[in-house]
Amino acid sequence: MIIQQRLNCYILSSLKQSLRTIGTRSQRSNQNLLLNVLTGFDF
């Protein structure tokens, strides 16, 4: 359970970091969509 939570936090933090590096609006909205989908999953 703890390992799954750490994996989930790692995925979310890496996605948030790639959100900061991405400049264009369309890519950012795609990343936000991916982030919302991953957040909906139950790791």
N, C-alpha and C. Protein backbone atom coordinates (compact mmCIF):
# COMPACT_ATOMS: atom_id res chain seq x y z
N MET A 1 0.83 -1.19 0.00
CA MET A 1 0.00 0.00 0.00
C MET A 1 0.88 1.25 0.00
N ILE A 2 1.90 1.25 0.86
CA ILE A 2 2.78 2.42 0.94
C ILE A 2 3.55 2.58 -0.37
N ILE A 3 3.98 1.47 -0.95
CA ILE A 3 4.72 1.53 -2.21
C ILE A 3 3.84 2.09 -3.32
N GLN A 4 2.57 1.69 -3.34
CA GLN A 4 1.65 2.19 -4.36
C GLN A 4 1.40 3.68 -4.18
N GLN A 5 1.31 4.15 -2.94
CA GLN A 5 1.11 5.57 -2.69
C GLN A 5 2.33 6.36 -3.12
N ARG A 6 3.52 5.83 -2.86
CA ARG A 6 4.75 6.52 -3.29
C ARG A 6 4.83 6.57 -4.80
N LEU A 7 4.43 5.49 -5.47
CA LEU A 7 4.43 5.46 -6.92
C LEU A 7 3.47 6.49 -7.48
N ASN A 8 2.30 6.60 -6.86
CA ASN A 8 1.30 7.57 -7.28
C ASN A 8 1.83 8.99 -7.11
N CYS A 9 2.45 9.27 -5.98
CA CYS A 9 3.01 10.59 -5.72
C CYS A 9 4.13 10.90 -6.70
N TYR A 10 4.94 9.90 -7.04
CA TYR A 10 6.04 10.11 -7.98
C TYR A 10 5.51 10.46 -9.36
N ILE A 11 4.47 9.74 -9.80
CA ILE A 11 3.88 10.01 -11.12
C ILE A 11 3.28 11.40 -11.17
N LEU A 12 2.54 11.77 -10.12
CA LEU A 12 1.90 13.09 -10.10
C LEU A 12 2.93 14.20 -10.05
N SER A 13 3.99 14.02 -9.26
CA SER A 13 5.01 15.07 -9.15
C SER A 13 5.78 15.22 -10.45
N SER A 14 6.05 14.10 -11.15
CA SER A 14 6.76 14.18 -12.42
C SER A 14 5.88 14.84 -13.48
N LEU A 15 4.57 14.58 -13.43
CA LEU A 15 3.67 15.25 -14.37
C LEU A 15 3.59 16.74 -14.09
N LYS A 16 3.55 17.12 -12.82
CA LYS A 16 3.50 18.53 -12.47
C LYS A 16 4.78 19.24 -12.90
N GLN A 17 5.90 18.54 -12.81
CA GLN A 17 7.16 19.15 -13.22
C GLN A 17 7.20 19.33 -14.74
N SER A 18 6.65 18.38 -15.48
CA SER A 18 6.62 18.55 -16.93
C SER A 18 5.62 19.61 -17.34
N LEU A 19 4.62 19.88 -16.48
CA LEU A 19 3.70 20.99 -16.75
C LEU A 19 4.44 22.32 -16.70
N ARG A 20 5.41 22.44 -15.81
CA ARG A 20 6.15 23.70 -15.69
C ARG A 20 7.05 23.92 -16.89
N THR A 21 7.59 22.84 -17.46
CA THR A 21 8.54 23.00 -18.55
C THR A 21 7.85 23.19 -19.89
N ILE A 22 6.61 22.74 -20.01
CA ILE A 22 5.89 22.85 -21.28
C ILE A 22 5.36 24.27 -21.45
N GLY A 23 5.58 24.84 -22.63
CA GLY A 23 5.22 26.24 -22.85
C GLY A 23 3.90 26.44 -23.55
N THR A 24 3.60 25.67 -24.56
CA THR A 24 2.43 25.95 -25.38
C THR A 24 1.14 25.55 -24.69
N ARG A 25 0.08 26.24 -25.03
CA ARG A 25 -1.20 26.05 -24.33
C ARG A 25 -1.82 24.69 -24.66
N SER A 26 -1.70 24.25 -25.90
CA SER A 26 -2.33 22.98 -26.29
C SER A 26 -1.66 21.80 -25.59
N GLN A 27 -0.34 21.82 -25.53
CA GLN A 27 0.36 20.73 -24.84
C GLN A 27 0.05 20.76 -23.35
N ARG A 28 -0.09 21.97 -22.81
CA ARG A 28 -0.40 22.08 -21.39
C ARG A 28 -1.79 21.52 -21.09
N SER A 29 -2.75 21.79 -21.96
CA SER A 29 -4.10 21.26 -21.74
C SER A 29 -4.10 19.73 -21.88
N ASN A 30 -3.27 19.21 -22.78
CA ASN A 30 -3.16 17.76 -22.90
C ASN A 30 -2.56 17.16 -21.63
N GLN A 31 -1.57 17.84 -21.06
CA GLN A 31 -0.97 17.36 -19.82
C GLN A 31 -1.96 17.42 -18.68
N ASN A 32 -2.78 18.48 -18.65
CA ASN A 32 -3.79 18.59 -17.60
C ASN A 32 -4.83 17.49 -17.72
N LEU A 33 -5.19 17.15 -18.95
CA LEU A 33 -6.13 16.06 -19.17
C LEU A 33 -5.54 14.74 -18.69
N LEU A 34 -4.27 14.52 -19.02
CA LEU A 34 -3.59 13.30 -18.58
C LEU A 34 -3.49 13.26 -17.06
N LEU A 35 -3.22 14.43 -16.46
CA LEU A 35 -3.13 14.50 -15.00
C LEU A 35 -4.46 14.17 -14.35
N ASN A 36 -5.55 14.68 -14.92
CA ASN A 36 -6.88 14.40 -14.38
C ASN A 36 -7.23 12.92 -14.51
N VAL A 37 -6.85 12.32 -15.63
CA VAL A 37 -7.13 10.89 -15.83
C VAL A 37 -6.36 10.05 -14.82
N LEU A 38 -5.07 10.39 -14.64
CA LEU A 38 -4.25 9.63 -13.70
C LEU A 38 -4.71 9.82 -12.27
N THR A 39 -5.18 11.03 -11.95
CA THR A 39 -5.66 11.27 -10.59
C THR A 39 -6.93 10.47 -10.33
N GLY A 40 -7.71 10.21 -11.38
CA GLY A 40 -8.93 9.44 -11.22
C GLY A 40 -8.67 7.96 -10.97
N PHE A 41 -7.50 7.49 -11.38
CA PHE A 41 -7.16 6.09 -11.16
C PHE A 41 -6.85 5.83 -9.69
N ASP A 42 -7.17 4.64 -9.24
CA ASP A 42 -6.90 4.28 -7.85
C ASP A 42 -5.66 3.40 -7.80
N PHE A 43 -4.53 4.00 -7.53
CA PHE A 43 -3.30 3.23 -7.40
C PHE A 43 -3.30 2.56 -6.03
